[in-house]
Amino acid sequence: MSDLPPDLSRLRTLETWLALSLDRVRQQIAAAEQQAAVDTRREPPPQPDWLVEYGIGVGRTPARVHVGGCWDTRSRCKPADRELARRALADGIEACTHCRPDTALGVLD
């Protein structure tokens, strides 16, 4: 037993509907492929060389200094240039114990 209509006019209507639906699906596939190609070409933002981690609360003060690729950073980090990182370490801000920015910057106690 077939689940399709038996008469020609309804079969033609069904054929038209399926063809239109297939066109819409193909258009959506093409758009998704184009977006995927754009996403693939998009480069991630450059990683900063140094990060300063800030504390929590009003007047958030610097808490730790990190090397840019440190795995132990948190969302409270902001990019820093070499001079700011050196100055923070010289002012007594803690150096991350994992990435050792004080060693990388040559600022040892």
Protein backbone atom coordinates (compact mmCIF):
# COMPACT_ATOMS: atom_id res chain seq x y z
CA MET A 1 0.00 0.00 0.00
CA SER A 2 1.38 3.42 -0.99
CA ASP A 3 1.17 6.53 1.16
CA LEU A 4 1.03 8.70 -1.99
CA PRO A 5 -2.21 9.95 -3.53
CA PRO A 6 -3.51 7.84 -6.43
CA ASP A 7 -4.53 10.60 -8.85
CA LEU A 8 -2.23 12.52 -11.20
CA SER A 9 -3.26 16.05 -10.16
CA ARG A 10 -2.42 15.51 -6.49
CA LEU A 11 0.82 13.76 -7.43
CA ARG A 12 1.80 16.78 -9.57
CA THR A 13 0.95 19.13 -6.69
CA LEU A 14 3.05 17.04 -4.34
CA GLU A 15 5.90 17.02 -6.86
CA THR A 16 5.79 20.84 -7.12
CA TRP A 17 5.76 21.25 -3.35
CA LEU A 18 8.69 18.86 -2.93
CA ALA A 19 10.69 20.62 -5.67
CA LEU A 20 10.13 24.01 -3.98
CA SER A 21 11.03 22.56 -0.61
CA LEU A 22 14.18 21.00 -2.05
CA ASP A 23 15.18 24.37 -3.56
CA ARG A 24 14.76 26.06 -0.17
CA VAL A 25 16.83 23.38 1.54
CA ARG A 26 19.58 23.73 -1.06
CA GLN A 27 19.60 27.52 -0.63
CA GLN A 28 19.91 27.10 3.12
CA ILE A 29 22.76 24.59 2.66
CA ALA A 30 24.57 27.03 0.35
CA ALA A 31 24.18 29.85 2.89
CA ALA A 32 25.45 27.62 5.71
CA GLU A 33 28.46 26.53 3.63
CA GLN A 34 29.25 30.14 2.78
CA GLN A 35 29.08 31.13 6.45
CA ALA A 36 31.29 28.18 7.40
CA ALA A 37 33.86 29.30 4.81
CA VAL A 38 33.81 32.85 6.24
CA ASP A 39 34.19 31.49 9.80
CA THR A 40 37.13 29.34 8.71
CA ARG A 41 38.93 32.32 7.18
CA ARG A 42 38.32 34.52 10.21
CA GLU A 43 41.43 34.70 12.34
CA PRO A 44 41.20 34.78 16.11
CA PRO A 45 42.24 38.06 17.72
CA PRO A 46 45.95 38.25 18.47
CA GLN A 47 46.93 37.04 21.90
CA PRO A 48 48.42 39.77 24.10
CA ASP A 49 51.97 39.27 25.34
CA TRP A 50 51.06 40.14 28.92
CA LEU A 51 47.92 40.16 31.07
CA VAL A 52 47.10 41.91 34.32
CA GLU A 53 44.44 40.21 36.42
CA TYR A 54 42.30 42.57 38.49
CA GLY A 55 40.55 41.93 41.78
CA ILE A 56 36.83 41.97 42.47
CA GLY A 57 34.79 44.97 43.58
CA VAL A 58 34.88 48.73 43.41
CA GLY A 59 38.26 50.16 42.47
CA ARG A 60 39.45 46.82 41.17
CA THR A 61 43.18 46.80 41.82
CA PRO A 62 45.72 44.62 40.01
CA ALA A 63 46.03 41.20 41.65
CA ARG A 64 48.36 39.13 39.42
CA VAL A 65 50.44 39.45 36.27
CA HIS A 66 50.43 36.70 33.60
CA VAL A 67 52.21 35.85 30.37
CA GLY A 68 49.73 36.16 27.49
CA GLY A 69 49.21 32.43 26.92
CA CYS A 70 48.83 31.43 30.57
CA TRP A 71 46.20 28.77 31.19
CA ASP A 72 45.43 30.10 34.68
CA THR A 73 43.91 33.42 33.63
CA ARG A 74 40.43 34.48 34.57
CA SER A 75 37.81 36.75 33.03
CA ARG A 76 39.12 39.69 35.04
CA CYS A 77 42.31 39.92 32.96
CA LYS A 78 43.12 42.81 30.66
CA PRO A 79 45.89 43.01 28.05
CA ALA A 80 49.02 44.86 29.10
CA ASP A 81 52.15 45.99 27.34
CA ARG A 82 55.62 45.01 28.53
CA GLU A 83 56.17 48.23 30.48
CA LEU A 84 52.86 47.99 32.39
CA ALA A 85 53.57 44.36 33.30
CA ARG A 86 57.09 45.23 34.51
CA ARG A 87 55.80 48.20 36.50
CA ALA A 88 53.07 46.07 38.14
CA LEU A 89 55.61 43.45 39.17
CA ALA A 90 57.98 46.14 40.45
CA ASP A 91 55.11 47.62 42.50
CA GLY A 92 54.66 44.27 44.28
CA ILE A 93 51.78 42.79 42.28
CA GLU A 94 51.96 39.01 42.48
CA ALA A 95 53.40 37.08 39.53
CA CYS A 96 51.47 34.02 38.39
CA THR A 97 53.16 30.92 39.76
CA HIS A 98 52.35 28.94 36.62
CA CYS A 99 53.56 31.14 33.78
CA ARG A 100 56.22 33.09 35.74
CA PRO A 101 56.01 36.51 34.05
CA ASP A 102 58.66 37.83 36.43
CA THR A 103 61.16 35.37 34.94
CA ALA A 104 60.07 36.16 31.36
CA LEU A 105 60.40 39.90 32.01
CA GLY A 106 63.65 39.58 33.94
CA VAL A 107 62.10 41.10 37.08
CA LEU A 108 63.22 38.80 39.89
CA ASP A 109 63.28 39.65 43.60
